[in-house]
Amino acid sequence: MKRLLIGILLTLLTLSQNSCFQVRAKEPVVYHFVPGRTAMLKDGLAYAPKRAPRAVIAAIAAGNRLQGMPYKWGGGHARENDSGYDCSGTVSYVLREAGLLKGSMPSKGFLNYGKRGEGDWITIYSRHGHVFVTVAGLRLDTGGDGSRSGPKWKPWRRGVKGYIMRHPAGY
C-alpha cells in the first residue's frame, strides 16, 4: 500500500511538473537576420553563422539535407534516412544529426525534451500534434502555412499559441 501511494504521488508530481513548469511560447516566431548571430537563408538553404557551435552547424546541415523531401506521416521514425519526414521526424533527424538526441520521438515527446524555455541557438516548439524547431533563429517546419509541406526553412512569421518551448542543454 505504501508503495502504491508513493507511486501515485510521484505520478502526480511528474504531471504537475509537465504542465505547471513549462514555458509557453507567447511571441510569434519571426526571422530577423542578424550578422554573426542568425542563420542566413539563400536559395532555400541555410548557412550557419561563422561562430556557431559545431552542433548548430551540424543541425543546419541536417536541415539542408531535408529540403525538397516530401511530407510523410511517420517519416523519419522507422528509418533514420527516410524518403519523407513528418514534423517530429524532421526535428528528431536534425537533433540526432547534431548529436543532441538518440533515436527519434513523437511530437508530444518533445514537451519534456532538454531544458525549459528558449535556447540561445536551438529552440523546439512543441504542442500536442505538432513540433517545429528554430536553429540560429531560422525556423525548420513542415507546417505553418495552412498545409503539410515537407521540411522547409521558413523565414516568415509563425503563430505559437499552445506551444511549449524547450531547448537542448547548452544550446
N, C-alpha and C. Protein backbone atom coordinates (compact mmCIF):
# COMPACT_ATOMS: atom_id res chain seq x y z
N MET A 1 0.82 -1.20 0.00
CA MET A 1 0.00 0.00 0.00
C MET A 1 0.87 1.26 0.00
N LYS A 2 1.93 1.22 0.80
CA LYS A 2 2.83 2.37 0.89
C LYS A 2 3.48 2.64 -0.47
N ARG A 3 3.89 1.56 -1.17
CA ARG A 3 4.50 1.71 -2.49
C ARG A 3 3.50 2.30 -3.49
N LEU A 4 2.25 1.88 -3.40
CA LEU A 4 1.22 2.39 -4.28
C LEU A 4 1.04 3.89 -4.06
N LEU A 5 0.97 4.32 -2.81
CA LEU A 5 0.82 5.75 -2.52
C LEU A 5 2.03 6.55 -2.99
N ILE A 6 3.21 6.01 -2.81
CA ILE A 6 4.41 6.70 -3.28
C ILE A 6 4.38 6.80 -4.80
N GLY A 7 3.97 5.74 -5.48
CA GLY A 7 3.86 5.75 -6.94
C GLY A 7 2.86 6.79 -7.42
N ILE A 8 1.73 6.89 -6.75
CA ILE A 8 0.71 7.88 -7.11
C ILE A 8 1.25 9.29 -6.90
N LEU A 9 1.92 9.53 -5.79
CA LEU A 9 2.48 10.85 -5.51
C LEU A 9 3.54 11.23 -6.55
N LEU A 10 4.39 10.27 -6.92
CA LEU A 10 5.40 10.55 -7.93
C LEU A 10 4.77 10.85 -9.29
N THR A 11 3.70 10.13 -9.62
CA THR A 11 2.99 10.38 -10.88
C THR A 11 2.38 11.78 -10.87
N LEU A 12 1.75 12.16 -9.76
CA LEU A 12 1.15 13.49 -9.67
C LEU A 12 2.21 14.58 -9.75
N LEU A 13 3.36 14.35 -9.11
CA LEU A 13 4.45 15.32 -9.17
C LEU A 13 4.95 15.47 -10.60
N THR A 14 5.11 14.37 -11.30
CA THR A 14 5.56 14.41 -12.69
C THR A 14 4.56 15.15 -13.56
N LEU A 15 3.27 14.87 -13.39
CA LEU A 15 2.25 15.55 -14.17
C LEU A 15 2.24 17.04 -13.89
N SER A 16 2.41 17.44 -12.64
CA SER A 16 2.40 18.86 -12.32
C SER A 16 3.64 19.54 -12.88
N GLN A 17 4.77 18.86 -12.90
CA GLN A 17 5.97 19.46 -13.47
C GLN A 17 5.82 19.64 -14.97
N ASN A 18 5.16 18.71 -15.62
CA ASN A 18 5.00 18.81 -17.07
C ASN A 18 4.05 19.92 -17.48
N SER A 19 3.10 20.28 -16.64
CA SER A 19 2.15 21.31 -17.03
C SER A 19 2.44 22.65 -16.38
N CYS A 20 2.79 22.67 -15.11
CA CYS A 20 2.96 23.92 -14.39
C CYS A 20 4.31 24.58 -14.63
N PHE A 21 5.31 23.80 -14.93
CA PHE A 21 6.65 24.35 -15.02
C PHE A 21 7.14 24.46 -16.46
N GLN A 22 6.26 24.40 -17.41
CA GLN A 22 6.63 24.56 -18.80
C GLN A 22 6.65 26.05 -19.14
N VAL A 23 7.42 26.41 -20.14
CA VAL A 23 7.45 27.79 -20.60
C VAL A 23 6.66 27.85 -21.90
N ARG A 24 5.53 28.51 -21.82
CA ARG A 24 4.68 28.64 -23.00
C ARG A 24 5.22 29.74 -23.91
N ALA A 25 5.20 29.44 -25.21
CA ALA A 25 5.61 30.44 -26.19
C ALA A 25 4.53 31.51 -26.27
N LYS A 26 4.92 32.76 -26.26
CA LYS A 26 3.94 33.86 -26.29
C LYS A 26 4.08 34.70 -27.54
N GLU A 27 5.32 34.95 -27.95
CA GLU A 27 5.57 35.78 -29.12
C GLU A 27 5.66 34.91 -30.37
N PRO A 28 5.10 35.36 -31.48
CA PRO A 28 5.24 34.59 -32.72
C PRO A 28 6.71 34.42 -33.09
N VAL A 29 7.00 33.36 -33.81
CA VAL A 29 8.34 33.15 -34.32
C VAL A 29 8.48 34.02 -35.57
N VAL A 30 9.43 34.92 -35.52
CA VAL A 30 9.70 35.83 -36.64
C VAL A 30 11.20 35.83 -36.90
N TYR A 31 11.58 35.62 -38.13
CA TYR A 31 13.00 35.59 -38.50
C TYR A 31 13.49 37.00 -38.80
N HIS A 32 14.57 37.39 -38.14
CA HIS A 32 15.27 38.64 -38.42
C HIS A 32 16.74 38.30 -38.57
N PHE A 33 17.31 38.55 -39.73
CA PHE A 33 18.72 38.24 -39.93
C PHE A 33 19.58 39.21 -39.12
N VAL A 34 20.49 38.64 -38.33
CA VAL A 34 21.46 39.41 -37.55
C VAL A 34 22.83 38.82 -37.87
N PRO A 35 23.69 39.56 -38.56
CA PRO A 35 25.00 39.02 -38.94
C PRO A 35 25.76 38.46 -37.73
N GLY A 36 26.30 37.26 -37.91
CA GLY A 36 27.08 36.61 -36.85
C GLY A 36 26.26 35.93 -35.78
N ARG A 37 24.95 36.13 -35.79
CA ARG A 37 24.10 35.55 -34.75
C ARG A 37 23.03 34.60 -35.30
N THR A 38 22.54 34.88 -36.48
CA THR A 38 21.47 34.05 -37.05
C THR A 38 21.92 33.42 -38.36
N ALA A 39 21.24 32.35 -38.71
CA ALA A 39 21.50 31.68 -39.98
C ALA A 39 21.03 32.57 -41.12
N MET A 40 21.70 32.46 -42.23
CA MET A 40 21.31 33.18 -43.43
C MET A 40 20.60 32.20 -44.35
N LEU A 41 19.52 32.63 -44.97
CA LEU A 41 18.78 31.79 -45.90
C LEU A 41 19.01 32.33 -47.31
N LYS A 42 19.49 31.44 -48.19
CA LYS A 42 19.72 31.83 -49.58
C LYS A 42 19.36 30.65 -50.48
N ASP A 43 18.45 30.89 -51.41
CA ASP A 43 18.01 29.87 -52.37
C ASP A 43 17.53 28.60 -51.67
N GLY A 44 16.84 28.76 -50.56
CA GLY A 44 16.25 27.62 -49.85
C GLY A 44 17.18 26.88 -48.90
N LEU A 45 18.46 27.27 -48.86
CA LEU A 45 19.41 26.62 -47.96
C LEU A 45 19.83 27.59 -46.86
N ALA A 46 20.09 27.06 -45.69
CA ALA A 46 20.51 27.86 -44.55
C ALA A 46 22.03 27.80 -44.42
N TYR A 47 22.60 28.89 -43.99
CA TYR A 47 24.04 28.97 -43.76
C TYR A 47 24.25 29.43 -42.32
N ALA A 48 25.04 28.66 -41.59
CA ALA A 48 25.27 28.93 -40.17
C ALA A 48 26.16 30.16 -39.99
N PRO A 49 25.95 30.89 -38.89
CA PRO A 49 26.88 31.97 -38.57
C PRO A 49 28.28 31.40 -38.35
N LYS A 50 29.31 32.17 -38.66
CA LYS A 50 30.68 31.69 -38.57
C LYS A 50 31.06 31.19 -37.18
N ARG A 51 30.57 31.80 -36.15
CA ARG A 51 30.96 31.42 -34.78
C ARG A 51 29.95 30.51 -34.09
N ALA A 52 29.09 29.89 -34.86
CA ALA A 52 28.10 28.98 -34.28
C ALA A 52 28.79 27.72 -33.75
N PRO A 53 28.27 27.15 -32.66
CA PRO A 53 28.82 25.89 -32.16
C PRO A 53 28.69 24.77 -33.19
N ARG A 54 29.55 23.78 -33.07
CA ARG A 54 29.54 22.66 -34.04
C ARG A 54 28.18 21.98 -34.15
N ALA A 55 27.50 21.80 -33.02
CA ALA A 55 26.19 21.14 -33.05
C ALA A 55 25.19 21.97 -33.86
N VAL A 56 25.28 23.27 -33.79
CA VAL A 56 24.38 24.15 -34.55
C VAL A 56 24.70 24.05 -36.04
N ILE A 57 25.97 24.05 -36.38
CA ILE A 57 26.37 23.88 -37.78
C ILE A 57 25.88 22.53 -38.31
N ALA A 58 26.01 21.48 -37.49
CA ALA A 58 25.54 20.15 -37.90
C ALA A 58 24.02 20.12 -38.04
N ALA A 59 23.30 20.81 -37.16
CA ALA A 59 21.83 20.86 -37.23
C ALA A 59 21.39 21.56 -38.51
N ILE A 60 22.06 22.65 -38.85
CA ILE A 60 21.72 23.38 -40.08
C ILE A 60 22.03 22.52 -41.31
N ALA A 61 23.16 21.84 -41.31
CA ALA A 61 23.50 20.96 -42.43
C ALA A 61 22.45 19.84 -42.57
N ALA A 62 21.99 19.30 -41.45
CA ALA A 62 20.95 18.26 -41.48
C ALA A 62 19.65 18.81 -42.04
N GLY A 63 19.26 20.00 -41.60
CA GLY A 63 18.05 20.63 -42.13
C GLY A 63 18.16 20.88 -43.62
N ASN A 64 19.34 21.26 -44.08
CA ASN A 64 19.54 21.46 -45.52
C ASN A 64 19.37 20.16 -46.30
N ARG A 65 19.79 19.04 -45.73
CA ARG A 65 19.62 17.75 -46.42
C ARG A 65 18.15 17.37 -46.56
N LEU A 66 17.29 17.91 -45.73
CA LEU A 66 15.86 17.58 -45.79
C LEU A 66 15.08 18.45 -46.77
N GLN A 67 15.69 19.51 -47.26
CA GLN A 67 14.99 20.40 -48.19
C GLN A 67 14.60 19.62 -49.45
N GLY A 68 13.36 19.78 -49.86
CA GLY A 68 12.87 19.09 -51.04
C GLY A 68 12.27 17.72 -50.75
N MET A 69 12.43 17.24 -49.51
CA MET A 69 11.82 15.95 -49.14
C MET A 69 10.32 16.16 -48.95
N PRO A 70 9.50 15.18 -49.30
CA PRO A 70 8.05 15.33 -49.11
C PRO A 70 7.64 15.10 -47.66
N TYR A 71 6.43 15.57 -47.34
CA TYR A 71 5.83 15.25 -46.05
C TYR A 71 5.39 13.79 -46.11
N LYS A 72 5.72 13.04 -45.07
CA LYS A 72 5.34 11.64 -44.99
C LYS A 72 4.97 11.34 -43.55
N TRP A 73 3.69 11.02 -43.32
CA TRP A 73 3.24 10.73 -41.97
C TRP A 73 4.05 9.57 -41.41
N GLY A 74 4.66 9.77 -40.25
CA GLY A 74 5.50 8.75 -39.63
C GLY A 74 6.91 8.73 -40.19
N GLY A 75 7.20 9.59 -41.16
CA GLY A 75 8.51 9.62 -41.80
C GLY A 75 9.60 10.09 -40.86
N GLY A 76 10.71 9.36 -40.88
CA GLY A 76 11.85 9.71 -40.04
C GLY A 76 11.87 8.99 -38.71
N HIS A 77 10.92 8.09 -38.50
CA HIS A 77 10.86 7.36 -37.23
C HIS A 77 11.36 5.92 -37.37
N ALA A 78 10.86 5.21 -38.35
CA ALA A 78 11.27 3.81 -38.52
C ALA A 78 12.64 3.72 -39.18
N ARG A 79 12.97 4.74 -39.98
CA ARG A 79 14.26 4.77 -40.67
C ARG A 79 14.94 6.10 -40.38
N GLU A 80 16.25 6.04 -40.14
CA GLU A 80 16.98 7.28 -39.90
C GLU A 80 17.05 8.13 -41.16
N ASN A 81 17.25 7.51 -42.29
CA ASN A 81 17.27 8.22 -43.57
C ASN A 81 16.07 7.74 -44.38
N ASP A 82 14.99 8.50 -44.31
CA ASP A 82 13.72 8.08 -44.89
C ASP A 82 13.48 8.78 -46.23
N SER A 83 12.38 8.40 -46.88
CA SER A 83 12.02 9.00 -48.17
C SER A 83 11.15 10.24 -47.99
N GLY A 84 10.77 10.56 -46.77
CA GLY A 84 9.98 11.72 -46.43
C GLY A 84 9.92 11.83 -44.92
N TYR A 85 9.50 12.99 -44.43
CA TYR A 85 9.52 13.25 -42.99
C TYR A 85 8.27 13.98 -42.53
N ASP A 86 7.78 13.59 -41.35
CA ASP A 86 6.73 14.37 -40.71
C ASP A 86 7.39 15.36 -39.76
N CYS A 87 6.59 16.10 -39.00
CA CYS A 87 7.16 17.16 -38.16
C CYS A 87 8.13 16.62 -37.12
N SER A 88 7.74 15.60 -36.38
CA SER A 88 8.61 15.08 -35.33
C SER A 88 9.78 14.30 -35.90
N GLY A 89 9.59 13.69 -37.06
CA GLY A 89 10.70 13.02 -37.73
C GLY A 89 11.75 14.03 -38.17
N THR A 90 11.29 15.20 -38.62
CA THR A 90 12.19 16.28 -39.03
C THR A 90 13.02 16.78 -37.85
N VAL A 91 12.35 17.11 -36.75
CA VAL A 91 13.06 17.63 -35.57
C VAL A 91 13.98 16.55 -35.01
N SER A 92 13.51 15.32 -34.96
CA SER A 92 14.35 14.22 -34.47
C SER A 92 15.60 14.08 -35.32
N TYR A 93 15.44 14.12 -36.64
CA TYR A 93 16.57 13.96 -37.55
C TYR A 93 17.62 15.05 -37.32
N VAL A 94 17.17 16.29 -37.24
CA VAL A 94 18.09 17.42 -37.07
C VAL A 94 18.84 17.31 -35.74
N LEU A 95 18.12 17.02 -34.67
CA LEU A 95 18.77 16.90 -33.36
C LEU A 95 19.69 15.69 -33.30
N ARG A 96 19.28 14.60 -33.91
CA ARG A 96 20.11 13.38 -33.92
C ARG A 96 21.41 13.63 -34.69
N GLU A 97 21.31 14.26 -35.85
CA GLU A 97 22.49 14.55 -36.66
C GLU A 97 23.43 15.53 -35.98
N ALA A 98 22.87 16.36 -35.10
CA ALA A 98 23.68 17.32 -34.35
C ALA A 98 24.26 16.70 -33.09
N GLY A 99 23.92 15.42 -32.82
CA GLY A 99 24.42 14.75 -31.62
C GLY A 99 23.66 15.13 -30.36
N LEU A 100 22.43 15.63 -30.52
CA LEU A 100 21.65 16.12 -29.38
C LEU A 100 20.45 15.24 -29.03
N LEU A 101 20.31 14.11 -29.72
CA LEU A 101 19.21 13.18 -29.48
C LEU A 101 19.61 11.81 -30.00
N LYS A 102 19.21 10.79 -29.28
CA LYS A 102 19.40 9.42 -29.77
C LYS A 102 18.05 8.92 -30.22
N GLY A 103 17.99 8.35 -31.40
CA GLY A 103 16.72 7.84 -31.91
C GLY A 103 15.81 8.95 -32.38
N SER A 104 14.51 8.74 -32.18
CA SER A 104 13.52 9.75 -32.56
C SER A 104 12.39 9.73 -31.54
N MET A 105 11.56 10.75 -31.58
CA MET A 105 10.40 10.79 -30.68
C MET A 105 9.24 11.49 -31.36
N PRO A 106 8.02 11.18 -30.91
CA PRO A 106 6.84 11.85 -31.47
C PRO A 106 6.76 13.29 -30.95
N SER A 107 5.88 14.08 -31.54
CA SER A 107 5.79 15.49 -31.18
C SER A 107 5.55 15.70 -29.69
N LYS A 108 4.69 14.91 -29.07
CA LYS A 108 4.43 15.13 -27.64
C LYS A 108 5.64 14.76 -26.77
N GLY A 109 6.54 13.94 -27.28
CA GLY A 109 7.76 13.62 -26.54
C GLY A 109 8.64 14.83 -26.35
N PHE A 110 8.56 15.78 -27.27
CA PHE A 110 9.38 16.99 -27.17
C PHE A 110 8.88 17.94 -26.08
N LEU A 111 7.71 17.68 -25.52
CA LEU A 111 7.23 18.51 -24.42
C LEU A 111 8.13 18.38 -23.19
N ASN A 112 8.91 17.33 -23.13
CA ASN A 112 9.80 17.11 -21.99
C ASN A 112 11.26 16.99 -22.39
N TYR A 113 11.58 17.28 -23.62
CA TYR A 113 12.95 17.17 -24.11
C TYR A 113 13.81 18.31 -23.55
N GLY A 114 15.04 18.02 -23.21
CA GLY A 114 16.01 19.05 -22.86
C GLY A 114 15.61 19.92 -21.69
N LYS A 115 15.83 21.21 -21.85
CA LYS A 115 15.58 22.20 -20.80
C LYS A 115 14.39 23.08 -21.15
N ARG A 116 13.80 23.68 -20.12
CA ARG A 116 12.66 24.57 -20.31
C ARG A 116 13.07 25.86 -21.01
N GLY A 117 12.17 26.41 -21.77
CA GLY A 117 12.34 27.74 -22.33
C GLY A 117 13.09 27.81 -23.64
N GLU A 118 13.33 29.04 -24.04
CA GLU A 118 14.01 29.33 -25.30
C GLU A 118 15.51 29.09 -25.16
N GLY A 119 16.10 28.53 -26.20
CA GLY A 119 17.53 28.30 -26.20
C GLY A 119 18.28 29.46 -26.83
N ASP A 120 19.58 29.48 -26.64
CA ASP A 120 20.41 30.51 -27.27
C ASP A 120 20.58 30.26 -28.76
N TRP A 121 20.62 28.98 -29.15
CA TRP A 121 20.84 28.63 -30.55
C TRP A 121 19.72 27.78 -31.15
N ILE A 122 19.14 26.90 -30.35
CA ILE A 122 18.13 25.96 -30.84
C ILE A 122 16.94 26.01 -29.90
N THR A 123 15.74 26.19 -30.46
CA THR A 123 14.51 26.16 -29.65
C THR A 123 13.52 25.24 -30.34
N ILE A 124 12.96 24.33 -29.55
CA ILE A 124 11.93 23.42 -30.04
C ILE A 124 10.58 23.96 -29.57
N TYR A 125 9.63 24.04 -30.47
CA TYR A 125 8.27 24.48 -30.17
C TYR A 125 7.38 23.26 -30.32
N SER A 126 6.79 22.82 -29.22
CA SER A 126 6.01 21.58 -29.24
C SER A 126 4.63 21.78 -28.64
N ARG A 127 3.68 21.11 -29.20
CA ARG A 127 2.32 21.03 -28.64
C ARG A 127 1.78 19.67 -29.05
N HIS A 128 0.64 19.31 -28.53
CA HIS A 128 0.04 18.05 -28.91
C HIS A 128 -0.25 18.07 -30.41
N GLY A 129 0.39 17.19 -31.15
CA GLY A 129 0.12 17.05 -32.58
C GLY A 129 1.09 17.75 -33.53
N HIS A 130 1.97 18.61 -33.02
CA HIS A 130 2.92 19.26 -33.93
C HIS A 130 4.15 19.73 -33.17
N VAL A 131 5.26 19.76 -33.87
CA VAL A 131 6.52 20.27 -33.34
C VAL A 131 7.31 20.89 -34.49
N PHE A 132 8.03 21.97 -34.19
CA PHE A 132 8.98 22.53 -35.14
C PHE A 132 10.15 23.08 -34.36
N VAL A 133 11.20 23.49 -35.06
CA VAL A 133 12.43 23.92 -34.40
C VAL A 133 12.96 25.18 -35.07
N THR A 134 13.59 26.04 -34.27
CA THR A 134 14.38 27.13 -34.84
C THR A 134 15.84 26.82 -34.53
N VAL A 135 16.69 27.02 -35.53
CA VAL A 135 18.13 26.81 -35.40
C VAL A 135 18.80 28.11 -35.83
N ALA A 136 19.53 28.72 -34.92
CA ALA A 136 20.17 30.02 -35.19
C ALA A 136 19.15 31.01 -35.73
N GLY A 137 17.96 30.99 -35.15
CA GLY A 137 16.92 31.95 -35.49
C GLY A 137 16.07 31.64 -36.70
N LEU A 138 16.38 30.57 -37.42
CA LEU A 138 15.64 30.23 -38.64
C LEU A 138 14.77 29.00 -38.37
N ARG A 139 13.50 29.09 -38.76
CA ARG A 139 12.53 28.03 -38.47
C ARG A 139 12.59 26.92 -39.50
N LEU A 140 12.63 25.68 -39.02
CA LEU A 140 12.51 24.48 -39.85
C LEU A 140 11.19 23.84 -39.47
N ASP A 141 10.29 23.71 -40.44
CA ASP A 141 8.92 23.33 -40.13
C ASP A 141 8.32 22.55 -41.30
N THR A 142 7.33 21.71 -40.99
CA THR A 142 6.59 21.02 -42.04
C THR A 142 5.18 21.61 -42.18
N GLY A 143 4.90 22.67 -41.46
CA GLY A 143 3.59 23.31 -41.49
C GLY A 143 3.72 24.80 -41.31
N GLY A 144 2.62 25.39 -40.85
CA GLY A 144 2.64 26.82 -40.58
C GLY A 144 2.17 27.68 -41.73
N ASP A 145 1.85 27.04 -42.84
CA ASP A 145 1.36 27.80 -43.99
C ASP A 145 0.00 27.27 -44.44
N GLY A 146 -0.68 26.59 -43.52
CA GLY A 146 -2.01 26.05 -43.83
C GLY A 146 -2.00 24.69 -44.49
N SER A 147 -0.82 24.13 -44.74
CA SER A 147 -0.75 22.82 -45.36
C SER A 147 0.37 22.01 -44.72
N ARG A 148 0.40 20.75 -45.01
CA ARG A 148 1.50 19.89 -44.58
C ARG A 148 2.50 19.82 -45.74
N SER A 149 3.53 20.56 -45.60
CA SER A 149 4.57 20.51 -46.62
C SER A 149 5.72 19.69 -46.06
N GLY A 150 6.62 19.33 -46.90
CA GLY A 150 7.81 18.66 -46.41
C GLY A 150 8.64 19.64 -45.59
N PRO A 151 9.69 19.16 -44.97
CA PRO A 151 10.54 20.04 -44.15
C PRO A 151 11.13 21.17 -44.99
N LYS A 152 10.95 22.38 -44.51
CA LYS A 152 11.49 23.55 -45.21
C LYS A 152 11.93 24.59 -44.20
N TRP A 153 12.99 25.32 -44.56
CA TRP A 153 13.38 26.51 -43.80
C TRP A 153 12.35 27.57 -44.14
N LYS A 154 11.77 28.19 -43.13
CA LYS A 154 10.70 29.15 -43.36
C LYS A 154 10.99 30.46 -42.63
N PRO A 155 11.23 31.53 -43.38
CA PRO A 155 11.57 32.80 -42.74
C PRO A 155 10.37 33.65 -42.34
N TRP A 156 9.17 33.25 -42.73
CA TRP A 156 8.02 34.07 -42.41
C TRP A 156 7.45 33.75 -41.03
N ARG A 157 6.62 34.63 -40.56
CA ARG A 157 6.03 34.61 -39.23
C ARG A 157 5.22 33.34 -38.99
N ARG A 158 5.30 32.83 -37.75
CA ARG A 158 4.52 31.65 -37.34
C ARG A 158 3.92 31.91 -35.97
N GLY A 159 2.62 31.75 -35.83
CA GLY A 159 1.99 31.86 -34.52
C GLY A 159 2.37 30.67 -33.64
N VAL A 160 2.35 30.88 -32.33
CA VAL A 160 2.80 29.84 -31.41
C VAL A 160 1.80 29.55 -30.29
N LYS A 161 0.55 29.90 -30.48
CA LYS A 161 -0.45 29.66 -29.45
C LYS A 161 -0.51 28.16 -29.12
N GLY A 162 -0.37 27.84 -27.84
CA GLY A 162 -0.44 26.46 -27.38
C GLY A 162 0.89 25.71 -27.41
N TYR A 163 1.95 26.35 -27.86
CA TYR A 163 3.25 25.69 -27.93
C TYR A 163 4.05 25.90 -26.66
N ILE A 164 4.84 24.88 -26.33
CA ILE A 164 5.79 24.90 -25.21
C ILE A 164 7.18 25.02 -25.82
N MET A 165 8.04 25.84 -25.22
CA MET A 165 9.41 25.99 -25.72
C MET A 165 10.36 25.14 -24.88
N ARG A 166 11.22 24.41 -25.58
CA ARG A 166 12.27 23.60 -24.95
C ARG A 166 13.56 23.80 -25.75
N HIS A 167 14.68 23.44 -25.16
CA HIS A 167 15.94 23.55 -25.91
C HIS A 167 16.94 22.52 -25.39
N PRO A 168 17.88 22.12 -26.26
CA PRO A 168 18.92 21.21 -25.79
C PRO A 168 19.81 21.93 -24.78
N ALA A 169 20.22 21.22 -23.76
CA ALA A 169 21.09 21.82 -22.73
C ALA A 169 22.33 22.40 -23.39
N GLY A 170 22.63 23.64 -23.07
CA GLY A 170 23.81 24.31 -23.60
C GLY A 170 23.60 25.00 -24.93
N TYR A 171 22.43 24.88 -25.51
CA TYR A 171 22.16 25.48 -26.81
C TYR A 171 20.90 26.32 -26.80
